Amino acid sequence: MPDIELSDDTSRLDIARIHAWLASSYWTPDIARAQVERQIAGSHCLGAYLPDGTIVAFARVISDRASFAWLADVWVDESVRGQGLGTKLARWFVEHPDYAGVRRFGLATKDAHGVYAKLGFTPLARPDRLMEKLSGPFAAILEQD
């Protein structure tokens, strides 16, 4: 893997590229750019950059930094996939001092269970205690999946 720098400096994020990635994902197909901008504004974001400054990966965490954190939108560009960068992004958050005391760190994935298992993520310990409320459009996406 080439030298890749991780940074949570939001001024470096390439919003257009991140929007394109997320709009092509299975979890947020066709997401509006304005929604991506709101998500970024309300999250702790991390970009992965080549030496020339090109962003090649992205992830974000939503958290109160005390009891709950949610890892979301982990995306690695095809040009650098398969080199452990997704794990590196997730590990950066899991090991970040701001989340050291978090009681529950959650995420959702369709196909990367092995990536997250390496970092200690497991299936829900008590699924009978967790609930969710999905928007109509998002519920429709999950029904197609």
C-alpha atoms as a PDB file:
ATOM      1  CA  MET A   1       0.000   0.000   0.000  1.00  0.00           C
ATOM      2  CA  PRO A   2       1.388   3.428  -0.820  1.00  0.00           C
ATOM      3  CA  ASP A   3       1.998   5.846   2.030  1.00  0.00           C
ATOM      4  CA  ILE A   4      -1.478   6.792   3.158  1.00  0.00           C
ATOM      5  CA  GLU A   5      -2.129   9.485   5.735  1.00  0.00           C
ATOM      6  CA  LEU A   6      -5.198   9.401   7.966  1.00  0.00           C
ATOM      7  CA  SER A   7      -6.609  12.757   9.014  1.00  0.00           C
ATOM      8  CA  ASP A   8      -9.758  13.954  10.748  1.00  0.00           C
ATOM      9  CA  ASP A   9      -9.292  17.501   9.433  1.00  0.00           C
ATOM     10  CA  THR A  10     -12.674  18.081   7.780  1.00  0.00           C
ATOM     11  CA  SER A  11     -11.291  20.898   5.624  1.00  0.00           C
ATOM     12  CA  ARG A  12      -9.419  18.242   3.624  1.00  0.00           C
ATOM     13  CA  LEU A  13     -12.498  16.158   2.796  1.00  0.00           C
ATOM     14  CA  ASP A  14     -13.441  15.974  -0.878  1.00  0.00           C
ATOM     15  CA  ILE A  15     -17.214  16.202  -0.420  1.00  0.00           C
ATOM     16  CA  ALA A  16     -17.954  15.611  -4.107  1.00  0.00           C
ATOM     17  CA  ARG A  17     -15.969  12.375  -4.122  1.00  0.00           C
ATOM     18  CA  ILE A  18     -17.425  11.180  -0.816  1.00  0.00           C
ATOM     19  CA  HIS A  19     -20.924  11.928  -2.087  1.00  0.00           C
ATOM     20  CA  ALA A  20     -20.253   9.929  -5.267  1.00  0.00           C
ATOM     21  CA  TRP A  21     -18.991   6.973  -3.218  1.00  0.00           C
ATOM     22  CA  LEU A  22     -21.962   6.981  -0.855  1.00  0.00           C
ATOM     23  CA  ALA A  23     -24.488   7.520  -3.652  1.00  0.00           C
ATOM     24  CA  SER A  24     -23.143   4.341  -5.278  1.00  0.00           C
ATOM     25  CA  SER A  25     -23.208   2.276  -2.066  1.00  0.00           C
ATOM     26  CA  TYR A  26     -25.765  -0.387  -1.191  1.00  0.00           C
ATOM     27  CA  TRP A  27     -26.667   1.392   2.070  1.00  0.00           C
ATOM     28  CA  THR A  28     -27.307   4.909   0.702  1.00  0.00           C
ATOM     29  CA  PRO A  29     -28.004   4.595  -3.024  1.00  0.00           C
ATOM     30  CA  ASP A  30     -28.694   7.934  -4.675  1.00  0.00           C
ATOM     31  CA  ILE A  31     -28.244   9.871  -1.418  1.00  0.00           C
ATOM     32  CA  ALA A  32     -28.526  13.627  -1.897  1.00  0.00           C
ATOM     33  CA  ARG A  33     -25.357  15.667  -1.560  1.00  0.00           C
ATOM     34  CA  ALA A  34     -27.060  17.938   0.992  1.00  0.00           C
ATOM     35  CA  GLN A  35     -27.702  14.927   3.220  1.00  0.00           C
ATOM     36  CA  VAL A  36     -24.059  13.825   2.980  1.00  0.00           C
ATOM     37  CA  GLU A  37     -23.022  17.351   3.959  1.00  0.00           C
ATOM     38  CA  ARG A  38     -25.324  17.222   7.028  1.00  0.00           C
ATOM     39  CA  GLN A  39     -23.973  13.793   7.976  1.00  0.00           C
ATOM     40  CA  ILE A  40     -20.403  15.051   7.778  1.00  0.00           C
ATOM     41  CA  ALA A  41     -21.250  18.171   9.781  1.00  0.00           C
ATOM     42  CA  GLY A  42     -22.698  16.053  12.594  1.00  0.00           C
ATOM     43  CA  SER A  43     -19.994  13.408  12.717  1.00  0.00           C
ATOM     44  CA  HIS A  44     -16.350  12.820  13.526  1.00  0.00           C
ATOM     45  CA  CYS A  45     -14.966  12.140  10.054  1.00  0.00           C
ATOM     46  CA  LEU A  46     -11.753  10.508   8.923  1.00  0.00           C
ATOM     47  CA  GLY A  47     -10.186  10.635   5.481  1.00  0.00           C
ATOM     48  CA  ALA A  48      -7.330   8.585   4.071  1.00  0.00           C
ATOM     49  CA  TYR A  49      -5.081  10.447   1.662  1.00  0.00           C
ATOM     50  CA  LEU A  50      -2.390   9.621  -0.853  1.00  0.00           C
ATOM     51  CA  PRO A  51       0.796  11.725  -0.715  1.00  0.00           C
ATOM     52  CA  ASP A  52      -0.630  13.998  -3.433  1.00  0.00           C
ATOM     53  CA  GLY A  53      -3.643  14.781  -1.217  1.00  0.00           C
ATOM     54  CA  THR A  54      -6.170  12.624  -3.063  1.00  0.00           C
ATOM     55  CA  ILE A  55      -8.739  11.114  -0.724  1.00  0.00           C
ATOM     56  CA  VAL A  56      -8.969   7.331  -1.150  1.00  0.00           C
ATOM     57  CA  ALA A  57     -11.077   6.309   1.845  1.00  0.00           C
ATOM     58  CA  PHE A  58     -13.571   7.725   4.302  1.00  0.00           C
ATOM     59  CA  ALA A  59     -15.337   6.776   7.530  1.00  0.00           C
ATOM     60  CA  ARG A  60     -17.265   8.585  10.209  1.00  0.00           C
ATOM     61  CA  VAL A  61     -18.468   8.097  13.767  1.00  0.00           C
ATOM     62  CA  ILE A  62     -21.560   9.501  15.395  1.00  0.00           C
ATOM     63  CA  SER A  63     -21.171   9.611  19.176  1.00  0.00           C
ATOM     64  CA  ASP A  64     -21.797  11.334  22.479  1.00  0.00           C
ATOM     65  CA  ARG A  65     -18.197  10.286  23.273  1.00  0.00           C
ATOM     66  CA  ALA A  66     -19.354   8.869  26.589  1.00  0.00           C
ATOM     67  CA  SER A  67     -21.689   5.908  26.207  1.00  0.00           C
ATOM     68  CA  PHE A  68     -22.461   5.334  22.529  1.00  0.00           C
ATOM     69  CA  ALA A  69     -20.665   5.444  19.183  1.00  0.00           C
ATOM     70  CA  TRP A  70     -21.783   4.358  15.732  1.00  0.00           C
ATOM     71  CA  LEU A  71     -19.277   3.672  12.939  1.00  0.00           C
ATOM     72  CA  ALA A  72     -20.754   4.534   9.555  1.00  0.00           C
ATOM     73  CA  ASP A  73     -20.008   5.000   5.884  1.00  0.00           C
ATOM     74  CA  VAL A  74     -16.689   3.187   5.775  1.00  0.00           C
ATOM     75  CA  TRP A  75     -15.667   3.422   2.135  1.00  0.00           C
ATOM     76  CA  VAL A  76     -12.396   2.469   0.463  1.00  0.00           C
ATOM     77  CA  ASP A  77     -11.788   3.425  -3.158  1.00  0.00           C
ATOM     78  CA  GLU A  78     -11.393   0.465  -5.509  1.00  0.00           C
ATOM     79  CA  SER A  79      -7.842   1.574  -6.357  1.00  0.00           C
ATOM     80  CA  VAL A  80      -6.653   0.735  -2.816  1.00  0.00           C
ATOM     81  CA  ARG A  81      -9.063  -2.009  -1.715  1.00  0.00           C
ATOM     82  CA  GLY A  82      -7.789  -5.282  -0.340  1.00  0.00           C
ATOM     83  CA  GLN A  83      -4.868  -3.706   1.501  1.00  0.00           C
ATOM     84  CA  GLY A  84      -6.367  -3.422   4.981  1.00  0.00           C
ATOM     85  CA  LEU A  85      -7.347   0.228   4.760  1.00  0.00           C
ATOM     86  CA  GLY A  86     -10.940  -0.364   5.920  1.00  0.00           C
ATOM     87  CA  THR A  87      -9.604  -2.076   9.024  1.00  0.00           C
ATOM     88  CA  LYS A  88      -7.127   0.752   9.543  1.00  0.00           C
ATOM     89  CA  LEU A  89      -9.929   3.357   9.428  1.00  0.00           C
ATOM     90  CA  ALA A  90     -12.125   1.421  11.852  1.00  0.00           C
ATOM     91  CA  ARG A  91      -9.182   0.745  14.207  1.00  0.00           C
ATOM     92  CA  TRP A  92      -8.336   4.470  14.246  1.00  0.00           C
ATOM     93  CA  PHE A  93     -11.773   5.203  15.723  1.00  0.00           C
ATOM     94  CA  VAL A  94     -11.890   2.193  18.050  1.00  0.00           C
ATOM     95  CA  GLU A  95      -8.518   3.168  19.519  1.00  0.00           C
ATOM     96  CA  HIS A  96      -9.156   6.941  19.558  1.00  0.00           C
ATOM     97  CA  PRO A  97      -8.974   8.411  23.090  1.00  0.00           C
ATOM     98  CA  ASP A  98     -12.334  10.173  22.639  1.00  0.00           C
ATOM     99  CA  TYR A  99     -14.056   6.780  22.436  1.00  0.00           C
ATOM    100  CA  ALA A 100     -12.050   4.901  25.078  1.00  0.00           C
ATOM    101  CA  GLY A 101     -14.895   4.880  27.614  1.00  0.00           C
ATOM    102  CA  VAL A 102     -17.731   4.261  25.184  1.00  0.00           C
ATOM    103  CA  ARG A 103     -19.957   1.437  26.444  1.00  0.00           C
ATOM    104  CA  ARG A 104     -21.411   0.421  23.075  1.00  0.00           C
ATOM    105  CA  PHE A 105     -19.764   0.841  19.683  1.00  0.00           C
ATOM    106  CA  GLY A 106     -22.119  -0.208  16.913  1.00  0.00           C
ATOM    107  CA  LEU A 107     -22.179  -0.539  13.167  1.00  0.00           C
ATOM    108  CA  ALA A 108     -24.129  -2.183  10.385  1.00  0.00           C
ATOM    109  CA  THR A 109     -22.610  -4.186   7.548  1.00  0.00           C
ATOM    110  CA  LYS A 110     -23.814  -6.506   4.840  1.00  0.00           C
ATOM    111  CA  ASP A 111     -20.491  -7.968   3.774  1.00  0.00           C
ATOM    112  CA  ALA A 112     -17.566  -6.920   5.995  1.00  0.00           C
ATOM    113  CA  HIS A 113     -18.170  -8.854   9.206  1.00  0.00           C
ATOM    114  CA  GLY A 114     -14.632 -10.265   9.124  1.00  0.00           C
ATOM    115  CA  VAL A 115     -13.089  -6.800   8.931  1.00  0.00           C
ATOM    116  CA  TYR A 116     -14.888  -5.673  12.064  1.00  0.00           C
ATOM    117  CA  ALA A 117     -14.560  -8.964  13.954  1.00  0.00           C
ATOM    118  CA  LYS A 118     -10.779  -8.422  13.941  1.00  0.00           C
ATOM    119  CA  LEU A 119     -11.442  -5.297  16.000  1.00  0.00           C
ATOM    120  CA  GLY A 120     -13.692  -6.982  18.548  1.00  0.00           C
ATOM    121  CA  PHE A 121     -17.103  -6.347  16.981  1.00  0.00           C
ATOM    122  CA  THR A 122     -19.575  -9.196  17.505  1.00  0.00           C
ATOM    123  CA  PRO A 123     -23.234  -9.883  16.748  1.00  0.00           C
ATOM    124  CA  LEU A 124     -25.613  -8.125  19.133  1.00  0.00           C
ATOM    125  CA  ALA A 125     -25.378  -9.431  22.684  1.00  0.00           C
ATOM    126  CA  ARG A 126     -29.018  -8.643  23.405  1.00  0.00           C
ATOM    127  CA  PRO A 127     -30.901  -8.140  20.129  1.00  0.00           C
ATOM    128  CA  ASP A 128     -34.170  -8.444  22.059  1.00  0.00           C
ATOM    129  CA  ARG A 129     -33.403  -5.086  23.706  1.00  0.00           C
ATOM    130  CA  LEU A 130     -32.598  -3.087  20.597  1.00  0.00           C
ATOM    131  CA  MET A 131     -35.124  -1.534  18.266  1.00  0.00           C
ATOM    132  CA  GLU A 132     -35.009   0.761  15.276  1.00  0.00           C
ATOM    133  CA  LYS A 133     -37.277   3.093  13.368  1.00  0.00           C
ATOM    134  CA  LEU A 134     -36.577   3.232   9.656  1.00  0.00           C
ATOM    135  CA  SER A 135     -37.696   5.921   7.248  1.00  0.00           C
ATOM    136  CA  GLY A 136     -39.971   4.639   4.485  1.00  0.00           C
ATOM    137  CA  PRO A 137     -37.360   5.030   1.737  1.00  0.00           C
ATOM    138  CA  PHE A 138     -34.650   3.329   3.811  1.00  0.00           C
ATOM    139  CA  ALA A 139     -36.984   0.467   4.743  1.00  0.00           C
ATOM    140  CA  ALA A 140     -37.647  -0.011   1.022  1.00  0.00           C
ATOM    141  CA  ILE A 141     -33.915  -0.236   0.338  1.00  0.00           C
ATOM    142  CA  LEU A 142     -33.528  -2.928   2.990  1.00  0.00           C
ATOM    143  CA  GLU A 143     -36.484  -4.894   1.598  1.00  0.00           C
ATOM    144  CA  GLN A 144     -34.716  -5.075  -1.789  1.00  0.00           C
ATOM    145  CA  ASP A 145     -31.511  -6.288  -0.213  1.00  0.00           C
END
